[in-house]
Amino acid sequence: MKKPLYLLLLSVGLLALPVAYAHSPNAHQAHHAKAQSFSPAEQKDWGIAGDLKKVKRTVEIRMTDDMRFAPNQIQVKLGETVRLVAVNAGKVLHEIVIGTPQELKAHAAMMKKHPGMEHDEPYMAHVEPGHKGAIVWNFNRAGTFEFACLIPGHFEAGMVGLITVK
C-alpha cells in the first residue's frame, strides 16, 4: 500500500509543519478569530473590517454551481457597515471575496498558479456546500468594487458581482 506523500515526507523529517488544507472553512474561521484578536483591521481601497455591533443591515448572497451570485449587484451607503451572508446553494465549495477589480483579478491568477494556497482575510469567506459564511465590512470608501469567487475556474466562468458605494 502506497503512503500519501505528506506521510512519506514526515517520516523522513522533510515535513516539520502540520498539514494545512486550503479553503477549509473551519480552519478559516479559527484563524480569522485568532487574527482578529491580535491585529488591528487593515484599511483597504474598498473599506475596512467592520464591527458586528455596528451592522446596519444584512445582505444575503446565494452562490450556485452555475457560477453565479444572486443578487449580483448591491448598493451600499458610504460609511455603512454591512453583514454579507454568503449561502452556498451548490454542491461544490465556493467563496466570496471583496476587492477592486484589479485586486480580484490578480488574486484569481495567483490562486490558479497555486490552487492549494491557504489565505484568510476579513474580506473573504469560504463556504462549503449547503452552508453559510459571513463577512462584516465597513464600506468607508466610495466607489465601485466587486465580490467574486476566486476558486480556480469559478472567477473565469463569471462568478463576479458588483458593489456600488455612494
N, C-alpha and C. Protein backbone atom coordinates (compact mmCIF):
# COMPACT_ATOMS: atom_id res chain seq x y z
N MET A 1 0.84 -1.18 0.00
CA MET A 1 0.00 0.00 0.00
C MET A 1 0.89 1.23 0.00
N LYS A 2 0.59 2.17 -0.90
CA LYS A 2 1.37 3.38 -1.05
C LYS A 2 0.96 4.43 -0.02
N LYS A 3 1.95 5.04 0.66
CA LYS A 3 1.68 6.08 1.64
C LYS A 3 1.47 7.42 0.94
N PRO A 4 0.58 8.27 1.49
CA PRO A 4 0.46 9.64 0.94
C PRO A 4 1.80 10.36 1.06
N LEU A 5 2.06 11.28 0.14
CA LEU A 5 3.33 12.00 0.08
C LEU A 5 3.65 12.71 1.40
N TYR A 6 2.66 13.36 2.02
CA TYR A 6 2.97 14.09 3.25
C TYR A 6 3.41 13.14 4.37
N LEU A 7 2.89 11.90 4.40
CA LEU A 7 3.34 10.94 5.42
C LEU A 7 4.77 10.49 5.14
N LEU A 8 5.10 10.31 3.86
CA LEU A 8 6.46 9.94 3.49
C LEU A 8 7.43 11.06 3.87
N LEU A 9 7.09 12.31 3.55
CA LEU A 9 7.94 13.45 3.89
C LEU A 9 8.08 13.61 5.40
N LEU A 10 6.99 13.41 6.12
CA LEU A 10 7.02 13.50 7.57
C LEU A 10 7.93 12.43 8.17
N SER A 11 7.85 11.23 7.62
CA SER A 11 8.64 10.13 8.17
C SER A 11 10.14 10.32 7.96
N VAL A 12 10.52 11.05 6.91
CA VAL A 12 11.95 11.29 6.69
C VAL A 12 12.38 12.66 7.19
N GLY A 13 11.49 13.35 7.87
CA GLY A 13 11.84 14.61 8.50
C GLY A 13 11.83 15.82 7.59
N LEU A 14 11.30 15.67 6.38
CA LEU A 14 11.28 16.81 5.47
C LEU A 14 10.05 17.69 5.66
N LEU A 15 9.11 17.21 6.42
CA LEU A 15 7.90 17.99 6.67
C LEU A 15 7.75 18.17 8.16
N ALA A 16 8.12 19.34 8.64
CA ALA A 16 8.09 19.58 10.08
C ALA A 16 6.85 20.33 10.52
N LEU A 17 6.09 20.84 9.56
CA LEU A 17 4.91 21.61 9.90
C LEU A 17 3.66 20.75 9.76
N PRO A 18 2.58 21.08 10.48
CA PRO A 18 1.35 20.33 10.32
C PRO A 18 0.77 20.54 8.93
N VAL A 19 0.03 19.58 8.45
CA VAL A 19 -0.59 19.67 7.15
C VAL A 19 -1.70 20.71 7.21
N ALA A 20 -1.73 21.61 6.23
CA ALA A 20 -2.78 22.62 6.16
C ALA A 20 -3.63 22.36 4.92
N TYR A 21 -4.90 22.46 5.07
CA TYR A 21 -5.81 22.25 3.96
C TYR A 21 -6.35 23.61 3.51
N ALA A 22 -6.11 23.95 2.26
CA ALA A 22 -6.57 25.23 1.74
C ALA A 22 -8.08 25.30 1.71
N HIS A 23 -8.60 26.46 1.99
CA HIS A 23 -10.02 26.76 1.90
C HIS A 23 -10.88 25.96 2.85
N SER A 24 -10.32 25.51 3.95
CA SER A 24 -11.12 24.83 4.95
C SER A 24 -11.89 25.87 5.74
N PRO A 25 -13.22 25.87 5.67
CA PRO A 25 -13.98 26.88 6.41
C PRO A 25 -13.71 26.86 7.91
N ASN A 26 -13.53 25.69 8.51
CA ASN A 26 -13.26 25.63 9.94
C ASN A 26 -11.91 26.25 10.26
N ALA A 27 -10.91 25.91 9.48
CA ALA A 27 -9.59 26.49 9.70
C ALA A 27 -9.64 27.99 9.44
N HIS A 28 -10.38 28.37 8.42
CA HIS A 28 -10.53 29.79 8.07
C HIS A 28 -11.14 30.56 9.24
N GLN A 29 -12.22 30.06 9.80
CA GLN A 29 -12.89 30.76 10.89
C GLN A 29 -12.03 30.81 12.14
N ALA A 30 -11.35 29.72 12.45
CA ALA A 30 -10.50 29.71 13.64
C ALA A 30 -9.33 30.68 13.47
N HIS A 31 -8.72 30.65 12.29
CA HIS A 31 -7.59 31.55 12.03
C HIS A 31 -8.06 33.00 12.05
N HIS A 32 -9.23 33.26 11.45
CA HIS A 32 -9.77 34.62 11.40
C HIS A 32 -10.02 35.15 12.81
N ALA A 33 -10.61 34.34 13.67
CA ALA A 33 -10.88 34.77 15.04
C ALA A 33 -9.58 35.07 15.77
N LYS A 34 -8.57 34.23 15.57
CA LYS A 34 -7.28 34.42 16.22
C LYS A 34 -6.61 35.69 15.68
N ALA A 35 -6.63 35.87 14.36
CA ALA A 35 -6.00 37.04 13.75
C ALA A 35 -6.69 38.32 14.20
N GLN A 36 -8.03 38.30 14.31
CA GLN A 36 -8.77 39.48 14.72
C GLN A 36 -8.38 39.90 16.13
N SER A 37 -8.08 38.92 17.00
CA SER A 37 -7.79 39.25 18.39
C SER A 37 -6.38 39.83 18.56
N PHE A 38 -5.48 39.64 17.59
CA PHE A 38 -4.10 40.10 17.74
C PHE A 38 -3.73 41.26 16.83
N SER A 39 -4.47 41.50 15.76
CA SER A 39 -4.05 42.53 14.84
C SER A 39 -5.18 43.51 14.54
N PRO A 40 -4.81 44.78 14.37
CA PRO A 40 -5.84 45.77 14.04
C PRO A 40 -6.33 45.58 12.61
N ALA A 41 -7.53 46.07 12.34
CA ALA A 41 -8.09 45.97 10.99
C ALA A 41 -7.23 46.79 10.02
N GLU A 42 -7.06 46.27 8.83
CA GLU A 42 -6.25 46.93 7.81
C GLU A 42 -7.15 47.65 6.82
N GLN A 43 -6.90 48.93 6.61
CA GLN A 43 -7.67 49.72 5.65
C GLN A 43 -7.34 49.24 4.25
N LYS A 44 -8.36 48.97 3.46
CA LYS A 44 -8.21 48.58 2.06
C LYS A 44 -8.86 49.65 1.19
N ASP A 45 -8.59 49.61 -0.10
CA ASP A 45 -9.21 50.57 -1.02
C ASP A 45 -10.74 50.45 -1.00
N TRP A 46 -11.26 49.29 -0.67
CA TRP A 46 -12.70 49.04 -0.68
C TRP A 46 -13.33 49.06 0.72
N GLY A 47 -12.58 49.44 1.73
CA GLY A 47 -13.13 49.57 3.08
C GLY A 47 -12.24 48.92 4.13
N ILE A 48 -12.87 48.57 5.25
CA ILE A 48 -12.14 48.02 6.39
C ILE A 48 -13.06 47.02 7.11
N ALA A 49 -12.45 46.05 7.77
CA ALA A 49 -13.25 45.06 8.52
C ALA A 49 -14.18 45.80 9.47
N GLY A 50 -15.42 45.35 9.51
CA GLY A 50 -16.43 46.02 10.32
C GLY A 50 -16.64 45.38 11.67
N ASP A 51 -17.30 46.11 12.54
CA ASP A 51 -17.66 45.65 13.87
C ASP A 51 -19.09 45.11 13.80
N LEU A 52 -19.28 43.87 14.22
CA LEU A 52 -20.59 43.22 14.17
C LEU A 52 -21.65 44.06 14.89
N LYS A 53 -21.25 44.74 15.95
CA LYS A 53 -22.20 45.57 16.72
C LYS A 53 -22.68 46.80 15.93
N LYS A 54 -21.96 47.15 14.87
CA LYS A 54 -22.31 48.34 14.09
C LYS A 54 -22.98 48.01 12.75
N VAL A 55 -23.36 46.75 12.57
CA VAL A 55 -24.02 46.34 11.32
C VAL A 55 -25.35 47.06 11.18
N LYS A 56 -25.55 47.70 10.04
CA LYS A 56 -26.79 48.43 9.75
C LYS A 56 -27.80 47.51 9.05
N ARG A 57 -27.29 46.57 8.26
CA ARG A 57 -28.18 45.63 7.57
C ARG A 57 -27.40 44.40 7.14
N THR A 58 -28.16 43.37 6.83
CA THR A 58 -27.60 42.11 6.35
C THR A 58 -28.09 41.88 4.94
N VAL A 59 -27.16 41.50 4.06
CA VAL A 59 -27.49 41.18 2.67
C VAL A 59 -27.12 39.72 2.45
N GLU A 60 -28.10 38.91 2.04
CA GLU A 60 -27.84 37.50 1.76
C GLU A 60 -27.52 37.36 0.27
N ILE A 61 -26.44 36.66 -0.01
CA ILE A 61 -25.99 36.44 -1.40
C ILE A 61 -25.87 34.93 -1.61
N ARG A 62 -26.66 34.42 -2.56
CA ARG A 62 -26.62 32.98 -2.89
C ARG A 62 -25.52 32.71 -3.91
N MET A 63 -24.80 31.60 -3.70
CA MET A 63 -23.76 31.16 -4.62
C MET A 63 -24.21 29.82 -5.19
N THR A 64 -24.16 29.69 -6.51
CA THR A 64 -24.64 28.47 -7.15
C THR A 64 -23.59 27.87 -8.07
N ASP A 65 -23.79 26.61 -8.40
CA ASP A 65 -22.83 25.90 -9.24
C ASP A 65 -22.89 26.30 -10.71
N ASP A 66 -23.82 27.18 -11.09
CA ASP A 66 -23.79 27.73 -12.45
C ASP A 66 -22.85 28.95 -12.47
N MET A 67 -22.08 29.10 -11.38
CA MET A 67 -21.05 30.13 -11.22
C MET A 67 -21.65 31.54 -11.26
N ARG A 68 -22.71 31.70 -10.45
CA ARG A 68 -23.37 33.00 -10.35
C ARG A 68 -23.67 33.33 -8.90
N PHE A 69 -23.78 34.63 -8.64
CA PHE A 69 -24.23 35.16 -7.35
C PHE A 69 -25.63 35.74 -7.55
N ALA A 70 -26.47 35.63 -6.54
CA ALA A 70 -27.79 36.26 -6.58
C ALA A 70 -28.07 36.88 -5.22
N PRO A 71 -28.19 38.20 -5.14
CA PRO A 71 -28.07 39.15 -6.25
C PRO A 71 -26.60 39.30 -6.67
N ASN A 72 -26.42 39.84 -7.86
CA ASN A 72 -25.05 40.05 -8.33
C ASN A 72 -24.66 41.53 -8.30
N GLN A 73 -25.55 42.36 -7.73
CA GLN A 73 -25.25 43.78 -7.54
C GLN A 73 -25.87 44.24 -6.23
N ILE A 74 -25.09 45.01 -5.46
CA ILE A 74 -25.64 45.60 -4.24
C ILE A 74 -25.21 47.06 -4.15
N GLN A 75 -26.05 47.85 -3.50
CA GLN A 75 -25.79 49.27 -3.26
C GLN A 75 -25.54 49.45 -1.78
N VAL A 76 -24.52 50.24 -1.43
CA VAL A 76 -24.16 50.47 -0.04
C VAL A 76 -23.94 51.97 0.14
N LYS A 77 -24.33 52.49 1.28
CA LYS A 77 -24.08 53.89 1.60
C LYS A 77 -22.67 54.04 2.15
N LEU A 78 -22.01 55.10 1.79
CA LEU A 78 -20.66 55.38 2.30
C LEU A 78 -20.70 55.39 3.82
N GLY A 79 -19.80 54.63 4.45
CA GLY A 79 -19.72 54.55 5.90
C GLY A 79 -20.56 53.44 6.51
N GLU A 80 -21.37 52.77 5.70
CA GLU A 80 -22.27 51.72 6.21
C GLU A 80 -21.49 50.42 6.50
N THR A 81 -21.83 49.81 7.63
CA THR A 81 -21.28 48.50 7.96
C THR A 81 -22.35 47.47 7.61
N VAL A 82 -21.98 46.54 6.74
CA VAL A 82 -22.91 45.55 6.21
C VAL A 82 -22.41 44.15 6.54
N ARG A 83 -23.34 43.27 6.87
CA ARG A 83 -23.03 41.85 7.04
C ARG A 83 -23.47 41.15 5.77
N LEU A 84 -22.50 40.65 5.00
CA LEU A 84 -22.79 39.88 3.80
C LEU A 84 -22.83 38.41 4.20
N VAL A 85 -23.97 37.78 4.01
CA VAL A 85 -24.11 36.35 4.33
C VAL A 85 -24.11 35.60 3.00
N ALA A 86 -23.07 34.82 2.79
CA ALA A 86 -22.93 34.03 1.57
C ALA A 86 -23.52 32.65 1.81
N VAL A 87 -24.51 32.28 1.01
CA VAL A 87 -25.20 31.00 1.13
C VAL A 87 -24.77 30.14 -0.06
N ASN A 88 -24.10 29.03 0.23
CA ASN A 88 -23.68 28.13 -0.84
C ASN A 88 -24.82 27.16 -1.14
N ALA A 89 -25.55 27.46 -2.21
CA ALA A 89 -26.68 26.61 -2.62
C ALA A 89 -26.23 25.54 -3.61
N GLY A 90 -24.92 25.40 -3.80
CA GLY A 90 -24.40 24.43 -4.76
C GLY A 90 -23.91 23.16 -4.10
N LYS A 91 -23.19 22.38 -4.89
CA LYS A 91 -22.65 21.10 -4.42
C LYS A 91 -21.12 21.12 -4.35
N VAL A 92 -20.51 22.28 -4.67
CA VAL A 92 -19.05 22.42 -4.60
C VAL A 92 -18.71 23.62 -3.72
N LEU A 93 -17.49 23.67 -3.24
CA LEU A 93 -17.00 24.78 -2.44
C LEU A 93 -17.04 26.07 -3.25
N HIS A 94 -17.50 27.14 -2.63
CA HIS A 94 -17.45 28.47 -3.23
C HIS A 94 -16.89 29.42 -2.18
N GLU A 95 -16.50 30.61 -2.62
CA GLU A 95 -16.06 31.64 -1.71
C GLU A 95 -16.56 32.98 -2.20
N ILE A 96 -16.54 33.93 -1.30
CA ILE A 96 -16.86 35.30 -1.67
C ILE A 96 -15.71 36.16 -1.15
N VAL A 97 -15.17 36.97 -2.06
CA VAL A 97 -14.04 37.84 -1.74
C VAL A 97 -14.38 39.22 -2.27
N ILE A 98 -14.23 40.24 -1.42
CA ILE A 98 -14.49 41.63 -1.82
C ILE A 98 -13.16 42.28 -2.21
N GLY A 99 -13.21 43.14 -3.24
CA GLY A 99 -12.00 43.86 -3.61
C GLY A 99 -12.21 44.74 -4.82
N THR A 100 -11.13 45.35 -5.27
CA THR A 100 -11.17 46.11 -6.52
C THR A 100 -11.08 45.10 -7.66
N PRO A 101 -11.55 45.46 -8.84
CA PRO A 101 -11.42 44.52 -9.96
C PRO A 101 -9.97 44.09 -10.18
N GLN A 102 -9.02 45.02 -10.03
CA GLN A 102 -7.60 44.69 -10.24
C GLN A 102 -7.10 43.71 -9.18
N GLU A 103 -7.46 43.96 -7.92
CA GLU A 103 -7.03 43.05 -6.82
C GLU A 103 -7.59 41.65 -7.03
N LEU A 104 -8.88 41.57 -7.38
CA LEU A 104 -9.51 40.26 -7.55
C LEU A 104 -8.91 39.51 -8.73
N LYS A 105 -8.64 40.21 -9.80
CA LYS A 105 -8.03 39.57 -10.98
C LYS A 105 -6.64 39.03 -10.64
N ALA A 106 -5.85 39.82 -9.92
CA ALA A 106 -4.50 39.38 -9.52
C ALA A 106 -4.58 38.19 -8.57
N HIS A 107 -5.51 38.25 -7.61
CA HIS A 107 -5.66 37.16 -6.64
C HIS A 107 -6.12 35.89 -7.34
N ALA A 108 -7.05 36.02 -8.30
CA ALA A 108 -7.52 34.85 -9.05
C ALA A 108 -6.38 34.21 -9.83
N ALA A 109 -5.53 35.02 -10.43
CA ALA A 109 -4.37 34.49 -11.18
C ALA A 109 -3.42 33.76 -10.26
N MET A 110 -3.20 34.32 -9.05
CA MET A 110 -2.31 33.68 -8.09
C MET A 110 -2.90 32.33 -7.64
N MET A 111 -4.20 32.30 -7.41
CA MET A 111 -4.84 31.05 -6.98
C MET A 111 -4.80 29.99 -8.08
N LYS A 112 -4.85 30.44 -9.33
CA LYS A 112 -4.77 29.50 -10.45
C LYS A 112 -3.39 28.85 -10.49
N LYS A 113 -2.35 29.64 -10.21
CA LYS A 113 -0.98 29.12 -10.20
C LYS A 113 -0.71 28.26 -8.97
N HIS A 114 -1.35 28.59 -7.85
CA HIS A 114 -1.14 27.90 -6.57
C HIS A 114 -2.49 27.50 -5.97
N PRO A 115 -3.16 26.51 -6.57
CA PRO A 115 -4.52 26.17 -6.12
C PRO A 115 -4.60 25.70 -4.67
N GLY A 116 -3.52 25.27 -4.08
CA GLY A 116 -3.54 24.80 -2.70
C GLY A 116 -3.20 25.88 -1.69
N MET A 117 -3.02 27.11 -2.16
CA MET A 117 -2.61 28.17 -1.23
C MET A 117 -3.69 28.43 -0.19
N GLU A 118 -3.23 28.71 1.00
CA GLU A 118 -4.14 29.00 2.10
C GLU A 118 -4.09 30.49 2.38
N HIS A 119 -5.25 31.09 2.55
CA HIS A 119 -5.31 32.51 2.83
C HIS A 119 -6.54 32.80 3.66
N ASP A 120 -6.47 33.91 4.36
CA ASP A 120 -7.57 34.26 5.25
C ASP A 120 -7.53 35.76 5.49
N GLU A 121 -8.57 36.42 5.10
CA GLU A 121 -8.69 37.86 5.30
C GLU A 121 -10.12 38.15 5.72
N PRO A 122 -10.36 39.26 6.40
CA PRO A 122 -11.72 39.58 6.85
C PRO A 122 -12.67 39.91 5.70
N TYR A 123 -12.15 40.13 4.50
CA TYR A 123 -13.00 40.45 3.35
C TYR A 123 -13.29 39.23 2.48
N MET A 124 -13.14 38.04 3.06
CA MET A 124 -13.44 36.81 2.32
C MET A 124 -14.08 35.76 3.23
N ALA A 125 -14.87 34.90 2.60
CA ALA A 125 -15.48 33.78 3.32
C ALA A 125 -15.51 32.57 2.38
N HIS A 126 -15.07 31.45 2.89
CA HIS A 126 -15.08 30.18 2.15
C HIS A 126 -16.26 29.39 2.68
N VAL A 127 -17.10 28.88 1.77
CA VAL A 127 -18.34 28.26 2.20
C VAL A 127 -18.53 26.89 1.56
N GLU A 128 -18.62 25.89 2.42
CA GLU A 128 -18.87 24.52 1.96
C GLU A 128 -20.29 24.41 1.41
N PRO A 129 -20.55 23.43 0.54
CA PRO A 129 -21.90 23.24 0.01
C PRO A 129 -22.93 23.11 1.13
N GLY A 130 -24.05 23.81 0.96
CA GLY A 130 -25.13 23.73 1.93
C GLY A 130 -24.92 24.56 3.19
N HIS A 131 -23.86 25.33 3.26
CA HIS A 131 -23.55 26.13 4.44
C HIS A 131 -23.58 27.62 4.13
N LYS A 132 -23.38 28.41 5.19
CA LYS A 132 -23.33 29.87 5.07
C LYS A 132 -22.02 30.38 5.64
N GLY A 133 -21.58 31.50 5.12
CA GLY A 133 -20.41 32.20 5.64
C GLY A 133 -20.74 33.67 5.69
N ALA A 134 -20.00 34.43 6.47
CA ALA A 134 -20.32 35.86 6.59
C ALA A 134 -19.07 36.73 6.56
N ILE A 135 -19.26 37.92 6.03
CA ILE A 135 -18.26 38.97 6.05
C ILE A 135 -18.93 40.19 6.66
N VAL A 136 -18.29 40.80 7.64
CA VAL A 136 -18.77 42.07 8.19
C VAL A 136 -17.78 43.12 7.72
N TRP A 137 -18.28 44.06 6.93
CA TRP A 137 -17.39 45.02 6.28
C TRP A 137 -17.93 46.43 6.38
N ASN A 138 -17.04 47.36 6.67
CA ASN A 138 -17.38 48.77 6.71
C ASN A 138 -16.93 49.39 5.40
N PHE A 139 -17.89 49.84 4.62
CA PHE A 139 -17.60 50.43 3.32
C PHE A 139 -17.34 51.92 3.50
N ASN A 140 -16.12 52.25 3.93
CA ASN A 140 -15.75 53.63 4.23
C ASN A 140 -15.02 54.32 3.07
N ARG A 141 -15.11 53.73 1.90
CA ARG A 141 -14.54 54.30 0.68
C ARG A 141 -15.62 54.28 -0.40
N ALA A 142 -15.84 55.43 -1.05
CA ALA A 142 -16.81 55.49 -2.15
C ALA A 142 -16.19 54.86 -3.39
N GLY A 143 -17.03 54.29 -4.24
CA GLY A 143 -16.54 53.74 -5.48
C GLY A 143 -17.32 52.51 -5.90
N THR A 144 -16.81 51.89 -6.95
CA THR A 144 -17.40 50.66 -7.47
C THR A 144 -16.40 49.54 -7.22
N PHE A 145 -16.84 48.53 -6.52
CA PHE A 145 -15.99 47.40 -6.16
C PHE A 145 -16.66 46.11 -6.62
N GLU A 146 -16.00 45.00 -6.40
CA GLU A 146 -16.57 43.72 -6.82
C GLU A 146 -16.50 42.72 -5.69
N PHE A 147 -17.31 41.68 -5.81
CA PHE A 147 -17.16 40.47 -5.00
C PHE A 147 -17.10 39.33 -5.99
N ALA A 148 -16.31 38.31 -5.66
CA ALA A 148 -16.09 37.22 -6.61
C ALA A 148 -15.75 35.94 -5.88
N CYS A 149 -15.92 34.84 -6.60
CA CYS A 149 -15.43 33.54 -6.15
C CYS A 149 -14.13 33.31 -6.91
N LEU A 150 -13.01 33.22 -6.18
CA LEU A 150 -11.70 33.13 -6.81
C LEU A 150 -11.16 31.70 -6.89
N ILE A 151 -12.00 30.73 -6.58
CA ILE A 151 -11.58 29.34 -6.75
C ILE A 151 -11.31 29.13 -8.23
N PRO A 152 -10.17 28.50 -8.57
CA PRO A 152 -9.82 28.36 -9.98
C PRO A 152 -10.98 27.83 -10.83
N GLY A 153 -11.25 28.57 -11.91
CA GLY A 153 -12.32 28.23 -12.84
C GLY A 153 -13.61 28.99 -12.56
N HIS A 154 -13.89 29.31 -11.31
CA HIS A 154 -15.13 29.99 -10.96
C HIS A 154 -15.11 31.45 -11.41
N PHE A 155 -14.02 32.15 -11.10
CA PHE A 155 -13.88 33.56 -11.49
C PHE A 155 -13.91 33.68 -13.01
N GLU A 156 -13.18 32.79 -13.67
CA GLU A 156 -13.10 32.80 -15.14
C GLU A 156 -14.46 32.52 -15.77
N ALA A 157 -15.32 31.78 -15.06
CA ALA A 157 -16.65 31.46 -15.57
C ALA A 157 -17.65 32.60 -15.32
N GLY A 158 -17.20 33.67 -14.68
CA GLY A 158 -18.06 34.83 -14.48
C GLY A 158 -18.69 34.95 -13.12
N MET A 159 -18.14 34.27 -12.11
CA MET A 159 -18.71 34.34 -10.77
C MET A 159 -18.22 35.62 -10.09
N VAL A 160 -18.84 36.73 -10.49
CA VAL A 160 -18.45 38.07 -10.05
C VAL A 160 -19.71 38.90 -9.83
N GLY A 161 -19.69 39.75 -8.82
CA GLY A 161 -20.78 40.67 -8.55
C GLY A 161 -20.24 42.08 -8.34
N LEU A 162 -21.14 43.05 -8.27
CA LEU A 162 -20.77 44.45 -8.21
C LEU A 162 -21.29 45.09 -6.93
N ILE A 163 -20.44 45.90 -6.29
CA ILE A 163 -20.82 46.67 -5.10
C ILE A 163 -20.60 48.14 -5.44
N THR A 164 -21.66 48.94 -5.33
CA THR A 164 -21.55 50.38 -5.54
C THR A 164 -21.71 51.06 -4.20
N VAL A 165 -20.70 51.85 -3.82
CA VAL A 165 -20.71 52.57 -2.55
C VAL A 165 -20.83 54.06 -2.85
N LYS A 166 -21.93 54.67 -2.37
CA LYS A 166 -22.18 56.11 -2.61
C LYS A 166 -22.38 56.81 -1.29
